[in-house]
């Protein structure tokens, strides 16, 4: 199941939609992923050379490479740590082989 993390408001501005990692989500063992898209990280030296820091907290990457359905698009699957519950707006920083991508923001309930 996929859920958006942003919406457009009446003035065509992006507004963050909080991701629910709390107890209403299900078991504490349920995993929630941020699927991030970009370009260039398919050429990473190894998966261990890709890091994600969300709100200052390291997050596990399970995949970083070519998106299988869209030519030229890359995808990173980032497992969201449950320690982010209640943090509100946080920065997402993806680094590949020492190169940091543009920082983006997301919101966590």
N, C-alpha and C. Protein backbone atom coordinates (compact mmCIF):
# COMPACT_ATOMS: atom_id res chain seq x y z
N UNK A 1 0.84 -1.17 0.00
CA UNK A 1 0.00 0.00 0.00
C UNK A 1 0.89 1.24 0.00
N UNK A 2 0.53 2.21 -0.79
CA UNK A 2 1.28 3.46 -0.88
C UNK A 2 0.41 4.61 -0.40
N UNK A 3 1.04 5.57 0.28
CA UNK A 3 0.34 6.77 0.72
C UNK A 3 1.19 7.98 0.36
N UNK A 4 0.56 9.06 -0.06
CA UNK A 4 1.33 10.27 -0.37
C UNK A 4 1.85 10.93 0.91
N UNK A 5 2.96 11.66 0.79
CA UNK A 5 3.48 12.40 1.94
C UNK A 5 3.33 13.90 1.76
N UNK A 6 2.80 14.32 0.59
CA UNK A 6 2.52 15.74 0.35
C UNK A 6 1.22 15.85 -0.44
N UNK A 7 0.64 17.04 -0.38
CA UNK A 7 -0.54 17.38 -1.19
C UNK A 7 -0.38 18.82 -1.62
N UNK A 8 -1.11 19.20 -2.65
CA UNK A 8 -1.13 20.60 -3.08
C UNK A 8 -2.30 21.30 -2.41
N UNK A 9 -2.04 22.48 -1.84
CA UNK A 9 -3.13 23.23 -1.24
C UNK A 9 -3.81 24.09 -2.32
N UNK A 10 -4.75 24.93 -1.91
CA UNK A 10 -5.53 25.73 -2.87
C UNK A 10 -4.68 26.76 -3.61
N UNK A 11 -3.46 27.03 -3.09
CA UNK A 11 -2.56 27.98 -3.75
C UNK A 11 -1.41 27.27 -4.47
N UNK A 12 -1.60 25.98 -4.73
CA UNK A 12 -0.61 25.14 -5.41
C UNK A 12 0.73 25.09 -4.68
N UNK A 13 0.68 25.12 -3.36
CA UNK A 13 1.87 24.95 -2.53
C UNK A 13 1.85 23.55 -1.93
N UNK A 14 3.02 22.92 -1.84
CA UNK A 14 3.09 21.60 -1.23
C UNK A 14 2.90 21.70 0.28
N UNK A 15 2.07 20.82 0.82
CA UNK A 15 1.81 20.72 2.25
C UNK A 15 2.12 19.28 2.66
N UNK A 16 2.92 19.13 3.72
CA UNK A 16 3.28 17.79 4.17
C UNK A 16 2.09 17.07 4.78
N UNK A 17 1.97 15.78 4.50
CA UNK A 17 0.97 14.91 5.11
C UNK A 17 1.73 14.01 6.08
N UNK A 18 1.44 14.07 7.37
CA UNK A 18 2.20 13.25 8.34
C UNK A 18 2.02 11.75 8.11
N UNK A 19 3.12 11.03 8.24
CA UNK A 19 3.11 9.57 8.17
C UNK A 19 2.85 9.04 9.57
N UNK A 20 1.93 8.10 9.68
CA UNK A 20 1.58 7.53 10.98
C UNK A 20 2.42 6.28 11.24
N UNK A 21 3.34 6.37 12.19
CA UNK A 21 4.15 5.22 12.60
C UNK A 21 3.68 4.68 13.95
N UNK A 22 2.62 5.28 14.49
CA UNK A 22 2.18 4.97 15.84
C UNK A 22 1.46 3.65 15.97
N UNK A 23 0.91 3.40 17.17
CA UNK A 23 0.27 2.13 17.46
C UNK A 23 -0.95 1.85 16.58
N UNK A 24 -1.59 2.87 16.05
CA UNK A 24 -2.75 2.65 15.18
C UNK A 24 -2.36 1.99 13.87
N UNK A 25 -1.07 2.03 13.55
CA UNK A 25 -0.57 1.44 12.31
C UNK A 25 -0.70 -0.08 12.34
N UNK A 26 -0.54 -0.66 13.48
CA UNK A 26 -0.55 -2.12 13.61
C UNK A 26 0.46 -2.54 14.65
N UNK A 27 1.01 -3.69 14.48
CA UNK A 27 2.00 -4.20 15.42
C UNK A 27 3.26 -3.35 15.40
N UNK A 28 3.96 -3.36 16.52
CA UNK A 28 5.23 -2.65 16.60
C UNK A 28 6.26 -3.25 15.64
N UNK A 29 5.98 -4.43 15.12
CA UNK A 29 6.90 -5.07 14.18
C UNK A 29 6.60 -4.69 12.72
N UNK A 30 5.50 -3.99 12.47
CA UNK A 30 5.19 -3.54 11.11
C UNK A 30 6.29 -2.60 10.64
N UNK A 31 6.62 -2.68 9.36
CA UNK A 31 7.67 -1.83 8.80
C UNK A 31 7.03 -0.85 7.83
N UNK A 32 7.50 0.40 7.89
CA UNK A 32 7.02 1.46 7.00
C UNK A 32 8.25 2.00 6.27
N UNK A 33 8.09 2.18 4.95
CA UNK A 33 9.20 2.63 4.12
C UNK A 33 8.87 3.95 3.46
N UNK A 34 9.87 4.78 3.34
CA UNK A 34 9.83 5.96 2.48
C UNK A 34 10.46 5.53 1.17
N UNK A 35 9.72 5.65 0.08
CA UNK A 35 10.25 5.32 -1.24
C UNK A 35 10.62 6.66 -1.88
N UNK A 36 11.91 6.87 -2.05
CA UNK A 36 12.42 8.13 -2.58
C UNK A 36 12.92 7.92 -4.01
N UNK A 37 12.68 8.90 -4.85
CA UNK A 37 13.09 8.82 -6.24
C UNK A 37 14.10 9.91 -6.55
N UNK A 38 15.00 9.62 -7.46
CA UNK A 38 16.01 10.58 -7.89
C UNK A 38 16.76 10.03 -9.08
N UNK A 39 17.93 10.56 -9.31
CA UNK A 39 18.77 10.06 -10.41
C UNK A 39 20.21 9.95 -9.94
N UNK A 40 20.94 9.03 -10.54
CA UNK A 40 22.37 8.91 -10.31
C UNK A 40 22.79 7.88 -9.27
N UNK A 41 21.92 7.52 -8.34
CA UNK A 41 22.42 6.60 -7.31
C UNK A 41 22.39 5.14 -7.72
N UNK A 42 21.94 4.84 -8.91
CA UNK A 42 22.08 3.47 -9.43
C UNK A 42 23.55 3.12 -9.62
N UNK A 43 24.40 4.13 -9.72
CA UNK A 43 25.82 3.91 -9.95
C UNK A 43 26.62 3.85 -8.65
N UNK A 44 25.95 3.67 -7.55
CA UNK A 44 26.62 3.58 -6.24
C UNK A 44 27.64 2.46 -6.26
N UNK A 45 28.65 2.57 -5.41
CA UNK A 45 29.66 1.52 -5.35
C UNK A 45 29.14 0.27 -4.64
N UNK A 46 28.26 0.47 -3.63
CA UNK A 46 27.63 -0.64 -2.91
C UNK A 46 26.46 -0.08 -2.12
N UNK A 47 25.56 -0.94 -1.69
CA UNK A 47 24.43 -0.48 -0.88
C UNK A 47 24.92 0.11 0.43
N UNK A 48 26.03 -0.41 0.95
CA UNK A 48 26.60 0.13 2.19
C UNK A 48 27.13 1.56 2.02
N UNK A 49 27.33 1.99 0.77
CA UNK A 49 27.83 3.34 0.50
C UNK A 49 26.69 4.35 0.42
N UNK A 50 25.45 3.89 0.67
CA UNK A 50 24.28 4.77 0.65
C UNK A 50 23.77 4.87 2.08
N UNK A 51 23.59 6.10 2.56
CA UNK A 51 23.06 6.31 3.91
C UNK A 51 21.87 7.25 3.86
N UNK A 52 20.99 7.05 4.80
CA UNK A 52 19.84 7.95 4.97
C UNK A 52 19.79 8.35 6.43
N UNK A 53 19.67 9.64 6.65
CA UNK A 53 19.51 10.19 7.99
C UNK A 53 18.20 10.95 7.99
N UNK A 54 17.29 10.57 8.88
CA UNK A 54 15.97 11.21 8.95
C UNK A 54 15.82 11.82 10.34
N UNK A 55 15.70 13.13 10.38
CA UNK A 55 15.59 13.81 11.67
C UNK A 55 16.77 13.53 12.57
N UNK A 56 17.95 13.37 11.98
CA UNK A 56 19.16 13.09 12.75
C UNK A 56 19.32 11.63 13.13
N UNK A 57 18.37 10.79 12.73
CA UNK A 57 18.39 9.37 13.08
C UNK A 57 18.75 8.53 11.86
N UNK A 58 19.75 7.66 11.97
CA UNK A 58 20.08 6.79 10.84
C UNK A 58 18.90 5.87 10.50
N UNK A 59 18.67 5.68 9.21
CA UNK A 59 17.59 4.82 8.74
C UNK A 59 18.18 3.76 7.81
N UNK A 60 17.63 2.56 7.88
CA UNK A 60 18.13 1.45 7.06
C UNK A 60 17.62 1.55 5.63
N UNK A 61 18.53 1.36 4.69
CA UNK A 61 18.15 1.27 3.27
C UNK A 61 18.10 -0.20 2.89
N UNK A 62 17.01 -0.58 2.23
CA UNK A 62 16.91 -1.96 1.77
C UNK A 62 17.15 -2.06 0.27
N UNK A 63 17.12 -0.93 -0.42
CA UNK A 63 17.35 -0.91 -1.86
C UNK A 63 17.73 0.50 -2.28
N UNK A 64 18.67 0.58 -3.20
CA UNK A 64 19.01 1.85 -3.85
C UNK A 64 19.56 1.49 -5.22
N UNK A 65 18.78 1.80 -6.25
CA UNK A 65 19.21 1.45 -7.59
C UNK A 65 18.20 1.90 -8.62
N UNK A 66 18.32 1.34 -9.81
CA UNK A 66 17.44 1.72 -10.91
C UNK A 66 16.00 1.34 -10.61
N UNK A 67 15.08 2.26 -10.83
CA UNK A 67 13.65 1.99 -10.67
C UNK A 67 13.25 1.09 -11.83
N UNK A 68 12.62 -0.05 -11.53
CA UNK A 68 12.41 -1.04 -12.59
C UNK A 68 11.41 -0.66 -13.68
N UNK A 69 10.53 0.29 -13.44
CA UNK A 69 9.47 0.58 -14.40
C UNK A 69 9.65 1.88 -15.19
N UNK A 70 10.58 2.73 -14.78
CA UNK A 70 10.75 4.03 -15.43
C UNK A 70 12.23 4.23 -15.79
N UNK A 71 12.51 4.23 -17.07
CA UNK A 71 13.88 4.37 -17.55
C UNK A 71 14.49 5.68 -17.06
N UNK A 72 15.69 5.58 -16.48
CA UNK A 72 16.41 6.77 -16.04
C UNK A 72 16.10 7.21 -14.62
N UNK A 73 15.09 6.62 -13.99
CA UNK A 73 14.71 7.00 -12.63
C UNK A 73 15.31 6.00 -11.64
N UNK A 74 15.83 6.51 -10.54
CA UNK A 74 16.39 5.66 -9.49
C UNK A 74 15.47 5.70 -8.27
N UNK A 75 15.57 4.67 -7.44
CA UNK A 75 14.68 4.53 -6.29
C UNK A 75 15.49 4.10 -5.08
N UNK A 76 15.16 4.66 -3.92
CA UNK A 76 15.73 4.24 -2.65
C UNK A 76 14.58 3.87 -1.72
N UNK A 77 14.65 2.68 -1.13
CA UNK A 77 13.65 2.23 -0.16
C UNK A 77 14.27 2.38 1.22
N UNK A 78 13.70 3.29 2.02
CA UNK A 78 14.26 3.65 3.32
C UNK A 78 13.28 3.25 4.41
N UNK A 79 13.70 2.35 5.29
CA UNK A 79 12.83 1.93 6.39
C UNK A 79 12.81 3.04 7.44
N UNK A 80 11.60 3.47 7.81
CA UNK A 80 11.47 4.56 8.78
C UNK A 80 11.58 4.00 10.20
N UNK A 81 12.53 4.52 10.97
CA UNK A 81 12.69 4.05 12.35
C UNK A 81 11.48 4.47 13.20
N UNK A 82 11.00 3.58 14.04
CA UNK A 82 9.86 3.89 14.91
C UNK A 82 10.21 4.97 15.94
N UNK A 83 11.50 5.22 16.14
CA UNK A 83 11.91 6.27 17.08
C UNK A 83 11.52 7.66 16.56
N UNK A 84 11.06 7.76 15.31
CA UNK A 84 10.62 9.05 14.76
C UNK A 84 9.20 9.40 15.18
N UNK A 85 8.49 8.48 15.81
CA UNK A 85 7.09 8.73 16.20
C UNK A 85 7.00 10.04 16.99
N UNK A 86 6.08 10.91 16.55
CA UNK A 86 5.82 12.17 17.23
C UNK A 86 6.79 13.29 16.92
N UNK A 87 7.72 13.10 16.02
CA UNK A 87 8.75 14.10 15.75
C UNK A 87 8.27 15.27 14.90
N UNK A 88 7.17 15.12 14.19
CA UNK A 88 6.70 16.21 13.33
C UNK A 88 7.56 16.31 12.09
N UNK A 89 7.85 17.54 11.64
CA UNK A 89 8.64 17.74 10.43
C UNK A 89 10.11 17.45 10.69
N UNK A 90 10.68 16.64 9.79
CA UNK A 90 12.09 16.26 9.91
C UNK A 90 12.75 16.32 8.54
N UNK A 91 14.07 16.50 8.53
CA UNK A 91 14.84 16.48 7.29
C UNK A 91 15.19 15.05 6.91
N UNK A 92 15.21 14.80 5.61
CA UNK A 92 15.66 13.51 5.06
C UNK A 92 16.91 13.81 4.25
N UNK A 93 18.02 13.20 4.65
CA UNK A 93 19.31 13.43 3.99
C UNK A 93 19.81 12.09 3.45
N UNK A 94 19.94 12.00 2.15
CA UNK A 94 20.44 10.80 1.47
C UNK A 94 21.83 11.10 0.94
N UNK A 95 22.77 10.22 1.28
CA UNK A 95 24.15 10.38 0.83
C UNK A 95 24.57 9.12 0.09
N UNK A 96 25.16 9.30 -1.10
CA UNK A 96 25.59 8.19 -1.93
C UNK A 96 27.06 8.39 -2.27
N UNK A 97 27.88 7.43 -1.85
CA UNK A 97 29.33 7.51 -2.11
C UNK A 97 29.90 8.88 -1.74
N UNK A 98 29.48 9.39 -0.59
CA UNK A 98 30.00 10.66 -0.09
C UNK A 98 29.35 11.91 -0.66
N UNK A 99 28.46 11.76 -1.62
CA UNK A 99 27.77 12.90 -2.22
C UNK A 99 26.36 13.02 -1.61
N UNK A 100 26.06 14.15 -1.03
CA UNK A 100 24.76 14.35 -0.39
C UNK A 100 23.78 14.95 -1.38
N UNK A 101 22.61 14.32 -1.48
CA UNK A 101 21.53 14.82 -2.34
C UNK A 101 20.87 16.01 -1.66
N UNK A 102 19.99 16.68 -2.38
CA UNK A 102 19.23 17.78 -1.79
C UNK A 102 18.43 17.26 -0.60
N UNK A 103 18.46 17.99 0.49
CA UNK A 103 17.70 17.64 1.67
C UNK A 103 16.22 17.91 1.41
N UNK A 104 15.38 16.97 1.80
CA UNK A 104 13.94 17.15 1.69
C UNK A 104 13.33 17.00 3.08
N UNK A 105 12.06 17.39 3.20
CA UNK A 105 11.37 17.30 4.50
C UNK A 105 10.20 16.36 4.40
N UNK A 106 9.91 15.73 5.53
CA UNK A 106 8.73 14.90 5.66
C UNK A 106 8.18 15.13 7.07
N UNK A 107 6.98 14.65 7.30
CA UNK A 107 6.35 14.82 8.60
C UNK A 107 5.94 13.46 9.15
N UNK A 108 6.16 13.28 10.46
CA UNK A 108 5.83 12.03 11.13
C UNK A 108 4.88 12.33 12.29
N UNK A 109 3.76 11.59 12.33
CA UNK A 109 2.82 11.74 13.45
C UNK A 109 3.47 11.25 14.73
